[in-house]
Amino acid sequence: MSFVKGIMAVFAWQTQTILYQNIYLKNRIIEFQMMNPGAGSYRRRTVEKTIIVPGINWITEINGDSIDLKQWKKFNIDINELGLKYV
């Protein structure tokens, strides 16, 4: 994959909801993200994001069913970066 395609792949995902924040490390959050590759279809993923410095993040795709709730505080903040209208 070329450098430009790699950068575009990172910026294509948009945060829809911040689901959890780590109890011990406040710079770690779990987000639900979506991407619109075109033609009205959407791809979905759940990621753990570690904020290294503002604007630089380490993102790892995770299974949303395997979250250890002893380490995470439920947030459920709606961001809606794609601007979807819910009915």
Protein backbone atom coordinates (compact mmCIF):
# COMPACT_ATOMS: atom_id res chain seq x y z
CA MET A 1 0.00 0.00 0.00
CA SER A 2 1.34 3.40 -0.87
CA PHE A 3 1.85 6.11 1.73
CA VAL A 4 -0.99 8.24 0.29
CA LYS A 5 -3.46 5.32 0.32
CA GLY A 6 -2.47 4.57 3.93
CA ILE A 7 -3.11 8.17 4.99
CA MET A 8 -6.47 8.22 3.15
CA ALA A 9 -7.52 4.96 4.83
CA VAL A 10 -6.90 6.49 8.27
CA PHE A 11 -8.85 9.67 7.56
CA ALA A 12 -11.82 7.86 5.99
CA TRP A 13 -13.04 6.44 9.32
CA GLN A 14 -15.27 8.81 11.29
CA THR A 15 -16.14 8.56 15.00
CA GLN A 16 -19.83 8.06 15.63
CA THR A 17 -19.83 7.30 19.37
CA ILE A 18 -17.31 7.30 22.22
CA LEU A 19 -18.32 4.16 24.09
CA TYR A 20 -15.86 3.84 27.00
CA GLN A 21 -12.94 5.59 28.71
CA ASN A 22 -10.25 3.70 30.60
CA ILE A 23 -10.53 4.16 34.38
CA TYR A 24 -6.77 4.28 34.94
CA LEU A 25 -5.47 5.94 31.76
CA LYS A 26 -7.74 8.80 30.68
CA ASN A 27 -6.04 9.04 27.27
CA ARG A 28 -7.42 5.61 26.23
CA ILE A 29 -10.95 5.39 24.84
CA ILE A 30 -13.06 2.91 22.91
CA GLU A 31 -14.96 4.32 19.92
CA PHE A 32 -17.51 3.10 17.41
CA GLN A 33 -16.48 4.30 13.94
CA MET A 34 -18.05 4.21 10.50
CA MET A 35 -16.82 4.83 6.97
CA ASN A 36 -18.84 5.58 3.84
CA PRO A 37 -17.00 3.92 0.92
CA GLY A 38 -19.73 5.10 -1.44
CA ALA A 39 -23.12 4.17 -2.87
CA GLY A 40 -24.91 4.50 0.49
CA SER A 41 -23.12 1.57 2.14
CA TYR A 42 -21.31 1.91 5.46
CA ARG A 43 -18.49 -0.05 7.07
CA ARG A 44 -18.42 -0.30 10.87
CA ARG A 45 -15.72 -1.03 13.44
CA THR A 46 -14.95 -0.71 17.15
CA VAL A 47 -11.49 0.62 18.02
CA GLU A 48 -9.37 1.31 21.07
CA LYS A 49 -7.73 4.71 20.64
CA THR A 50 -4.76 5.87 22.68
CA ILE A 51 -4.17 9.61 22.44
CA ILE A 52 -0.38 10.06 22.40
CA VAL A 53 -0.46 13.86 21.94
CA PRO A 54 -3.36 15.94 20.59
CA GLY A 55 -3.74 15.02 16.93
CA ILE A 56 -1.58 11.86 17.11
CA ASN A 57 -3.41 8.67 18.07
CA TRP A 58 -2.62 4.96 18.18
CA ILE A 59 -5.68 3.04 16.93
CA THR A 60 -6.27 -0.70 17.25
CA GLU A 61 -9.37 -2.46 15.96
CA ILE A 62 -10.95 -4.61 18.69
CA ASN A 63 -13.85 -6.98 19.22
CA GLY A 64 -16.55 -4.98 21.02
CA ASP A 65 -17.79 -8.11 22.82
CA SER A 66 -14.49 -8.72 24.64
CA ILE A 67 -14.21 -5.43 26.58
CA ASP A 68 -13.15 -5.89 30.22
CA LEU A 69 -15.72 -3.68 31.97
CA LYS A 70 -13.62 -3.60 35.17
CA GLN A 71 -11.12 -1.32 33.38
CA TRP A 72 -13.55 0.81 31.37
CA LYS A 73 -16.15 3.43 32.33
CA LYS A 74 -19.24 3.62 30.09
CA PHE A 75 -19.47 6.99 28.29
CA ASN A 76 -21.78 6.60 25.26
CA ILE A 77 -21.20 10.12 23.89
CA ASP A 78 -22.67 10.68 20.41
CA ILE A 79 -20.17 12.44 18.09
CA ASN A 80 -21.75 11.70 14.66
CA GLU A 81 -18.86 12.93 12.46
CA LEU A 82 -20.60 11.53 9.38
CA GLY A 83 -23.60 13.77 10.08
CA LEU A 84 -26.12 10.94 9.78
CA LYS A 85 -29.74 11.77 10.51
CA TYR A 86 -31.40 9.18 12.73
CA VAL A 87 -35.13 8.64 12.44
